[in-house]
Amino acid sequence: MDSQIKTFRLPEDIIDTHIHLRGREESYKTTPSQILREAAQYSITVGIAMPNTRPSIDSFQTGTSYLREIDTAARTAGIIKPQRLYIGATDNNFGEVRNFLKISQAAGVKLYPNGQVTTGKLGVAKESSILRHMVNAVEAGKVFAVHCADPAIFEKKNGDTIEGEVKYLEKILGLANTLRRWLKLVICHVSCRESAELILQAQKEGYRHLYMELAPHYLWFDNTGTHWQPGLDPVFYKCYNGLRGPADREFLVSLLANENVRNILIGSDSACHTHKEKLEKGLGGIPSHQELVPLVITLAKRHRISEQRVADLICFNAAKIFSLDVSRRMVRHRVEERVDDLQYNHGTVTNPWNGSKLYFPVERLV
């Protein structure tokens, strides 16, 4: 790849596999309309929305109602592709999950450990419940996605740790063992080398549809302050799972360039909170859907990652596991390197990416 690259080919459809659209009781933070307008600027045509809203998406009724809202927002943003939504798992909503997974826009079922970054009734405590939800996903041919953070370790260590992420991942892989030929399993927002290596090893051992999801903030920031805004309160870099060390970040980046590593997705895990509540409540979440595409182009330039590999990471791998109908066309864009000055929800949400120098697509070329 030319080190002075001025253009870059991107897939016509870009899929964000992990996005928090908010709205409803959290409309003061952002809304599906606002998020999808912002995402559409960078050719993101399909978003896989998370269920930990207020109220949470844990039933057929709440899921289909939210999808209608999302579809209206997508049309307003000029997006014609159908969007997708996870339903959240609980210890007793198995029938609701089965019914929701039958509809075409159901992405799958999302598992949060009980008590972890959940709202309303979301969260699963019992291993038997996890297995039943896995079976639901297999029978529907849909994805089973997991937020890995062991609740006991979280409470004992008073926070998010690599140990807790890895222990919960080991638990999930063990529970999924008998279903590994059929289960479409996505490990969300992998943050550390230990988790990534566990996933790679499990893939070698026969987990046919096991995917590792990476998020932009783990590929750019780390817990030593790399690329942080000078003077910005560290709480604006707080997320779940947490930012890890430089070695973890560098290892995850190296996977992007390794074309022998197949089942990787990139999802923004964009989670908007207002400036005030980040400071007053210490909420975890980084807005990043506008940086997803610029970040990937920037890393591709720095690490000589091919355009086809990028297309797999931000479109075709996700299209395969989520069974999405997407264009195979690649579109050349003029790109410019500039300092990020983007706003989220008109400045209501502080953007911790401001000040980072990234390559932005600025024009589609014929």
Protein backbone atom coordinates (compact mmCIF):
# COMPACT_ATOMS: atom_id res chain seq x y z
CA MET A 1 0.00 0.00 0.00
CA ASP A 2 1.31 3.45 -0.95
CA SER A 3 2.56 5.21 2.18
CA GLN A 4 1.22 8.49 0.76
CA ILE A 5 -2.21 7.06 0.08
CA LYS A 6 -4.84 9.62 -0.91
CA THR A 7 -7.60 7.19 -1.81
CA PHE A 8 -8.99 4.05 -0.25
CA ARG A 9 -11.53 1.49 -1.46
CA LEU A 10 -14.29 0.62 0.99
CA PRO A 11 -17.20 -1.78 0.65
CA GLU A 12 -20.41 -0.13 -0.49
CA ASP A 13 -22.09 -1.49 2.65
CA ILE A 14 -20.40 -1.14 6.03
CA ILE A 15 -21.76 -3.02 9.04
CA ASP A 16 -21.37 -1.80 12.61
CA THR A 17 -21.80 -4.99 14.60
CA HIS A 18 -22.21 -3.31 18.00
CA ILE A 19 -24.02 -0.02 18.43
CA HIS A 20 -26.07 1.55 21.21
CA LEU A 21 -28.85 3.61 19.62
CA ARG A 22 -30.38 4.92 22.88
CA GLY A 23 -33.58 6.95 22.49
CA ARG A 24 -36.73 6.45 24.59
CA GLU A 25 -35.89 7.18 28.25
CA GLU A 26 -32.32 7.98 27.21
CA SER A 27 -33.18 10.40 24.40
CA TYR A 28 -31.35 13.15 26.27
CA LYS A 29 -28.10 11.29 25.42
CA THR A 30 -28.85 10.54 21.79
CA THR A 31 -31.48 8.89 19.61
CA PRO A 32 -31.58 6.30 16.82
CA SER A 33 -32.14 9.15 14.33
CA GLN A 34 -29.11 11.08 15.58
CA ILE A 35 -26.86 8.00 15.69
CA LEU A 36 -27.83 6.75 12.24
CA ARG A 37 -27.41 10.20 10.66
CA GLU A 38 -23.91 10.40 12.14
CA ALA A 39 -23.06 6.84 11.06
CA ALA A 40 -24.37 7.31 7.53
CA GLN A 41 -21.79 10.03 6.91
CA TYR A 42 -19.19 7.25 6.83
CA SER A 43 -21.18 4.75 4.73
CA ILE A 44 -22.35 2.63 7.68
CA THR A 45 -25.51 1.15 6.21
CA VAL A 46 -26.32 -1.58 8.76
CA GLY A 47 -26.18 -1.31 12.53
CA ILE A 48 -26.57 -4.22 14.93
CA ALA A 49 -28.29 -2.56 17.89
CA MET A 50 -27.86 -3.56 21.52
CA PRO A 51 -30.78 -4.38 23.86
CA ASN A 52 -29.61 -2.65 27.07
CA THR A 53 -31.86 0.34 26.49
CA ARG A 54 -34.32 2.00 28.88
CA PRO A 55 -36.67 0.14 28.92
CA SER A 56 -34.62 -2.91 28.00
CA ILE A 57 -35.31 -5.12 24.98
CA ASP A 58 -36.24 -8.42 26.61
CA SER A 59 -39.54 -9.38 24.94
CA PHE A 60 -41.11 -9.77 21.52
CA GLN A 61 -43.17 -6.62 22.08
CA THR A 62 -40.32 -4.38 23.20
CA GLY A 63 -38.11 -5.69 20.40
CA THR A 64 -40.57 -5.21 17.56
CA SER A 65 -41.60 -1.78 18.88
CA TYR A 66 -37.97 -0.62 19.01
CA LEU A 67 -37.33 -1.99 15.52
CA ARG A 68 -40.16 0.15 14.15
CA GLU A 69 -38.51 3.19 15.73
CA ILE A 70 -35.13 2.20 14.29
CA ASP A 71 -36.56 1.65 10.81
CA THR A 72 -38.13 5.12 10.83
CA ALA A 73 -34.81 6.61 11.94
CA ALA A 74 -32.93 4.76 9.19
CA ARG A 75 -35.25 6.06 6.49
CA THR A 76 -34.82 9.60 7.84
CA ALA A 77 -31.04 9.14 7.59
CA GLY A 78 -31.35 7.95 3.99
CA ILE A 79 -30.44 4.35 4.82
CA ILE A 80 -32.37 1.71 2.89
CA LYS A 81 -30.82 -1.44 4.36
CA PRO A 82 -32.83 -3.11 7.15
CA GLN A 83 -31.23 -2.67 10.54
CA ARG A 84 -30.80 -5.48 13.08
CA LEU A 85 -31.45 -5.79 16.83
CA TYR A 86 -30.44 -8.18 19.60
CA ILE A 87 -32.89 -9.29 22.26
CA GLY A 88 -31.44 -9.40 25.76
CA ALA A 89 -31.37 -12.65 27.73
CA THR A 90 -32.75 -13.10 31.24
CA ASP A 91 -33.20 -16.16 33.44
CA ASN A 92 -36.83 -16.55 32.41
CA ASN A 93 -37.56 -15.01 28.97
CA PHE A 94 -36.89 -18.09 26.85
CA GLY A 95 -40.25 -18.01 25.07
CA GLU A 96 -39.97 -14.31 24.31
CA VAL A 97 -36.50 -14.89 22.85
CA ARG A 98 -37.70 -17.80 20.68
CA ASN A 99 -40.51 -15.69 19.24
CA PHE A 100 -38.33 -12.66 18.58
CA LEU A 101 -35.61 -14.70 16.89
CA LYS A 102 -38.14 -15.81 14.25
CA ILE A 103 -38.29 -12.33 12.68
CA SER A 104 -35.86 -11.37 9.93
CA GLN A 105 -34.43 -8.30 11.69
CA ALA A 106 -33.53 -10.22 14.84
CA ALA A 107 -29.73 -10.36 14.98
CA GLY A 108 -29.69 -12.85 17.82
CA VAL A 109 -29.65 -12.97 21.60
CA LYS A 110 -27.26 -10.92 23.72
CA LEU A 111 -25.98 -12.27 27.04
CA TYR A 112 -24.90 -9.97 29.84
CA PRO A 113 -23.64 -11.47 33.09
CA ASN A 114 -26.15 -10.83 35.85
CA GLY A 115 -25.64 -7.36 37.29
CA GLN A 116 -23.13 -6.22 34.66
CA VAL A 117 -23.80 -3.08 32.55
CA THR A 118 -27.46 -4.04 32.34
CA THR A 119 -30.69 -2.13 32.66
CA GLY A 120 -34.09 -3.32 33.72
CA LYS A 121 -34.32 -7.10 33.90
CA LEU A 122 -31.41 -7.95 31.59
CA GLY A 123 -28.69 -10.29 32.81
CA VAL A 124 -28.37 -14.04 33.33
CA ALA A 125 -27.13 -15.72 36.51
CA LYS A 126 -27.80 -19.44 35.90
CA GLU A 127 -25.66 -21.63 33.66
CA SER A 128 -28.77 -23.63 32.75
CA SER A 129 -30.33 -20.42 31.43
CA ILE A 130 -27.27 -19.65 29.31
CA LEU A 131 -27.49 -23.10 27.73
CA ARG A 132 -31.19 -22.72 26.98
CA HIS A 133 -30.56 -19.40 25.25
CA MET A 134 -27.70 -20.95 23.27
CA VAL A 135 -30.08 -23.67 22.07
CA ASN A 136 -32.65 -21.01 21.12
CA ALA A 137 -30.02 -19.28 18.99
CA VAL A 138 -28.96 -22.53 17.30
CA GLU A 139 -32.55 -23.51 16.49
CA ALA A 140 -33.23 -20.08 14.98
CA GLY A 141 -29.90 -19.94 13.12
CA LYS A 142 -29.14 -16.62 14.84
CA VAL A 143 -26.15 -15.22 16.72
CA PHE A 144 -25.43 -15.71 20.42
CA ALA A 145 -23.38 -12.69 21.55
CA VAL A 146 -21.69 -12.36 24.92
CA HIS A 147 -20.37 -9.57 27.10
CA CYS A 148 -17.59 -11.30 29.06
CA ALA A 149 -17.11 -10.04 32.63
CA ASP A 150 -17.32 -12.34 35.62
CA PRO A 151 -19.66 -10.73 38.22
CA ALA A 152 -17.94 -12.27 41.25
CA ILE A 153 -14.52 -11.01 40.18
CA PHE A 154 -15.98 -7.61 39.29
CA GLU A 155 -17.38 -7.28 42.80
CA LYS A 156 -14.29 -8.69 44.54
CA LYS A 157 -11.83 -6.51 42.60
CA ASN A 158 -14.18 -3.50 42.71
CA GLY A 159 -14.13 -3.11 38.97
CA ASP A 160 -13.46 -4.51 35.53
CA THR A 161 -10.33 -6.66 35.12
CA ILE A 162 -8.68 -8.87 32.53
CA GLU A 163 -9.08 -11.76 34.98
CA GLY A 164 -12.85 -11.29 35.02
CA GLU A 165 -13.09 -11.06 31.23
CA VAL A 166 -11.00 -14.19 30.69
CA LYS A 167 -12.75 -16.28 33.37
CA TYR A 168 -16.18 -15.55 31.94
CA LEU A 169 -14.96 -16.31 28.41
CA GLU A 170 -13.65 -19.68 29.61
CA LYS A 171 -17.07 -20.35 31.14
CA ILE A 172 -18.88 -19.53 27.89
CA LEU A 173 -16.57 -21.66 25.76
CA GLY A 174 -17.07 -24.56 28.15
CA LEU A 175 -20.86 -24.26 28.08
CA ALA A 176 -20.85 -23.97 24.28
CA ASN A 177 -18.65 -27.03 23.76
CA THR A 178 -21.41 -29.47 22.83
CA LEU A 179 -22.92 -26.93 20.42
CA ARG A 180 -19.68 -25.76 18.84
CA ARG A 181 -20.47 -27.21 15.40
CA TRP A 182 -23.65 -25.15 15.09
CA LEU A 183 -23.63 -22.18 17.48
CA LYS A 184 -22.91 -18.76 15.94
CA LEU A 185 -20.98 -17.32 18.86
CA VAL A 186 -19.73 -13.72 18.97
CA ILE A 187 -17.47 -12.61 21.82
CA CYS A 188 -18.12 -8.89 22.03
CA HIS A 189 -15.54 -6.12 22.36
CA VAL A 190 -12.49 -8.31 23.15
CA SER A 191 -10.05 -6.09 25.03
CA CYS A 192 -6.96 -8.14 25.83
CA ARG A 193 -4.47 -10.61 24.41
CA GLU A 194 -5.49 -13.42 26.78
CA SER A 195 -9.08 -13.39 25.54
CA ALA A 196 -8.02 -13.19 21.91
CA GLU A 197 -5.67 -16.15 22.28
CA LEU A 198 -8.39 -18.23 23.98
CA ILE A 199 -10.70 -17.54 21.04
CA LEU A 200 -8.02 -18.37 18.46
CA GLN A 201 -7.27 -21.65 20.24
CA ALA A 202 -10.96 -22.55 20.44
CA GLN A 203 -11.33 -21.91 16.71
CA LYS A 204 -8.51 -24.38 16.07
CA GLU A 205 -10.26 -26.93 18.29
CA GLY A 206 -13.44 -26.94 16.25
CA TYR A 207 -15.61 -23.95 17.19
CA ARG A 208 -16.70 -23.44 13.58
CA HIS A 209 -18.69 -20.23 13.93
CA LEU A 210 -16.80 -18.48 16.73
CA TYR A 211 -16.13 -14.79 16.02
CA MET A 212 -14.01 -12.24 17.84
CA GLU A 213 -15.38 -8.70 17.86
CA LEU A 214 -12.91 -5.85 18.22
CA ALA A 215 -13.85 -2.24 18.95
CA PRO A 216 -12.10 0.96 17.77
CA HIS A 217 -11.21 2.23 21.25
CA TYR A 218 -9.24 -0.93 22.13
CA LEU A 219 -7.27 -0.52 18.90
CA TRP A 220 -6.39 3.14 19.49
CA PHE A 221 -6.45 3.97 23.21
CA ASP A 222 -4.92 2.13 26.16
CA ASN A 223 -4.79 2.58 29.92
CA THR A 224 -1.48 4.47 29.83
CA GLY A 225 -3.08 7.46 28.09
CA THR A 226 -2.06 6.76 24.48
CA HIS A 227 -3.93 9.20 22.20
CA TRP A 228 -5.91 10.67 25.11
CA GLN A 229 -6.89 14.33 25.02
CA PRO A 230 -4.55 16.28 27.32
CA GLY A 231 -6.47 17.56 30.32
CA LEU A 232 -9.63 15.55 29.66
CA ASP A 233 -10.88 13.73 32.75
CA PRO A 234 -9.97 10.00 32.56
CA VAL A 235 -13.62 9.09 33.14
CA PHE A 236 -14.26 9.90 29.47
CA TYR A 237 -12.04 6.90 28.59
CA LYS A 238 -13.86 4.58 30.99
CA CYS A 239 -15.63 1.72 29.22
CA TYR A 240 -16.71 -1.89 29.71
CA ASN A 241 -14.66 -3.89 29.18
CA GLY A 242 -11.93 -1.49 30.26
CA LEU A 243 -8.99 -0.20 28.27
CA ARG A 244 -5.97 -2.46 28.79
CA GLY A 245 -2.23 -1.97 28.42
CA PRO A 246 -0.20 -1.08 25.30
CA ALA A 247 0.82 -4.72 24.72
CA ASP A 248 -2.83 -5.75 24.57
CA ARG A 249 -3.66 -2.96 22.14
CA GLU A 250 -0.70 -3.81 19.91
CA PHE A 251 -1.61 -7.50 19.85
CA LEU A 252 -5.20 -6.79 18.83
CA VAL A 253 -3.99 -4.47 16.08
CA SER A 254 -1.64 -7.18 14.84
CA LEU A 255 -4.62 -9.49 14.32
CA LEU A 256 -6.11 -7.06 11.80
CA ALA A 257 -3.08 -7.43 9.55
CA ASN A 258 -2.86 -11.21 9.93
CA GLU A 259 -4.93 -12.60 7.09
CA ASN A 260 -4.63 -16.11 8.53
CA VAL A 261 -6.92 -14.98 11.36
CA ARG A 262 -10.35 -15.23 9.79
CA ASN A 263 -13.36 -14.70 12.02
CA ILE A 264 -12.89 -11.10 13.15
CA LEU A 265 -15.56 -8.40 13.29
CA ILE A 266 -15.16 -4.71 14.07
CA GLY A 267 -18.04 -3.05 15.91
CA SER A 268 -17.95 0.46 17.31
CA ASP A 269 -19.51 -0.42 20.69
CA SER A 270 -20.48 3.23 20.54
CA ALA A 271 -22.02 4.19 23.87
CA CYS A 272 -23.03 7.81 24.32
CA HIS A 273 -23.37 9.38 27.77
CA THR A 274 -23.67 13.09 28.44
CA HIS A 275 -20.74 15.11 29.71
CA LYS A 276 -22.54 15.71 33.00
CA GLU A 277 -23.41 12.09 33.77
CA LYS A 278 -19.92 10.86 32.86
CA LEU A 279 -18.49 13.25 35.45
CA GLU A 280 -21.19 12.80 38.10
CA LYS A 281 -21.97 9.08 37.75
CA GLY A 282 -18.76 7.67 36.26
CA LEU A 283 -20.66 5.74 33.59
CA GLY A 284 -18.70 3.46 31.26
CA GLY A 285 -18.94 3.99 27.53
CA ILE A 286 -17.08 5.65 24.66
CA PRO A 287 -18.82 7.16 21.61
CA SER A 288 -17.08 5.81 18.52
CA HIS A 289 -19.42 5.08 15.60
CA GLN A 290 -18.16 8.11 13.67
CA GLU A 291 -14.55 7.01 14.18
CA LEU A 292 -15.00 3.36 13.18
CA VAL A 293 -14.27 3.84 9.46
CA PRO A 294 -11.55 6.54 9.84
CA LEU A 295 -9.81 4.40 12.48
CA VAL A 296 -9.76 1.31 10.26
CA ILE A 297 -8.42 3.30 7.29
CA THR A 298 -5.73 4.80 9.51
CA LEU A 299 -4.62 1.42 10.86
CA ALA A 300 -4.69 -0.03 7.34
CA LYS A 301 -2.34 2.71 6.18
CA ARG A 302 0.01 2.30 9.14
CA HIS A 303 0.13 -1.49 9.10
CA ARG A 304 -0.17 -2.21 5.39
CA ILE A 305 -3.53 -3.92 5.68
CA SER A 306 -5.09 -4.64 2.30
CA GLU A 307 -8.35 -3.07 1.18
CA GLN A 308 -9.88 -6.52 0.78
CA ARG A 309 -8.94 -7.41 4.35
CA VAL A 310 -10.56 -4.19 5.55
CA ALA A 311 -13.70 -5.06 3.58
CA ASP A 312 -13.84 -8.42 5.35
CA LEU A 313 -13.40 -6.79 8.76
CA ILE A 314 -16.11 -4.15 8.38
CA CYS A 315 -18.55 -5.90 6.07
CA PHE A 316 -18.19 -9.38 4.64
CA ASN A 317 -17.35 -11.32 7.83
CA ALA A 318 -20.37 -9.79 9.56
CA ALA A 319 -22.58 -10.38 6.53
CA LYS A 320 -21.69 -14.06 6.72
CA ILE A 321 -22.43 -14.70 10.39
CA PHE A 322 -25.54 -12.48 10.50
CA SER A 323 -26.79 -13.74 7.10
CA LEU A 324 -27.04 -10.22 5.68
CA ASP A 325 -27.61 -9.37 2.04
CA VAL A 326 -24.92 -6.82 1.17
CA SER A 327 -23.34 -5.43 -1.95
CA ARG A 328 -19.99 -6.91 -3.01
CA ARG A 329 -19.09 -3.65 -4.72
CA MET A 330 -16.03 -1.71 -3.57
CA VAL A 331 -16.10 2.10 -3.81
CA ARG A 332 -12.99 4.28 -4.02
CA HIS A 333 -12.94 7.24 -1.65
CA ARG A 334 -10.65 10.24 -1.46
CA VAL A 335 -9.27 10.36 2.07
CA GLU A 336 -7.67 13.14 4.07
CA GLU A 337 -5.61 12.96 7.23
CA ARG A 338 -6.89 15.48 9.75
CA VAL A 339 -7.33 16.03 13.46
CA ASP A 340 -10.63 14.66 14.73
CA ASP A 341 -12.96 17.48 15.69
CA LEU A 342 -16.25 15.57 15.40
CA GLN A 343 -19.13 16.19 17.78
CA TYR A 344 -21.67 13.75 19.17
CA ASN A 345 -25.26 14.88 19.58
CA HIS A 346 -24.30 18.50 18.95
CA GLY A 347 -21.72 18.48 21.74
CA THR A 348 -23.98 17.08 24.45
CA VAL A 349 -21.70 14.03 24.49
CA THR A 350 -17.99 14.73 24.92
CA ASN A 351 -15.90 13.09 22.20
CA PRO A 352 -12.67 11.61 23.65
CA TRP A 353 -11.35 11.07 20.10
CA ASN A 354 -10.95 14.80 19.55
CA GLY A 355 -7.31 15.56 18.84
CA SER A 356 -6.54 12.17 17.30
CA LYS A 357 -5.12 12.36 13.77
CA LEU A 358 -7.05 9.96 11.53
CA TYR A 359 -7.70 9.38 7.83
CA PHE A 360 -11.26 10.41 7.00
CA PRO A 361 -13.11 9.49 3.81
CA VAL A 362 -14.23 12.82 2.36
CA GLU A 363 -15.47 12.03 -1.15
CA ARG A 364 -16.73 9.04 -3.14
CA LEU A 365 -14.92 8.76 -6.46
CA VAL A 366 -16.47 7.32 -9.65
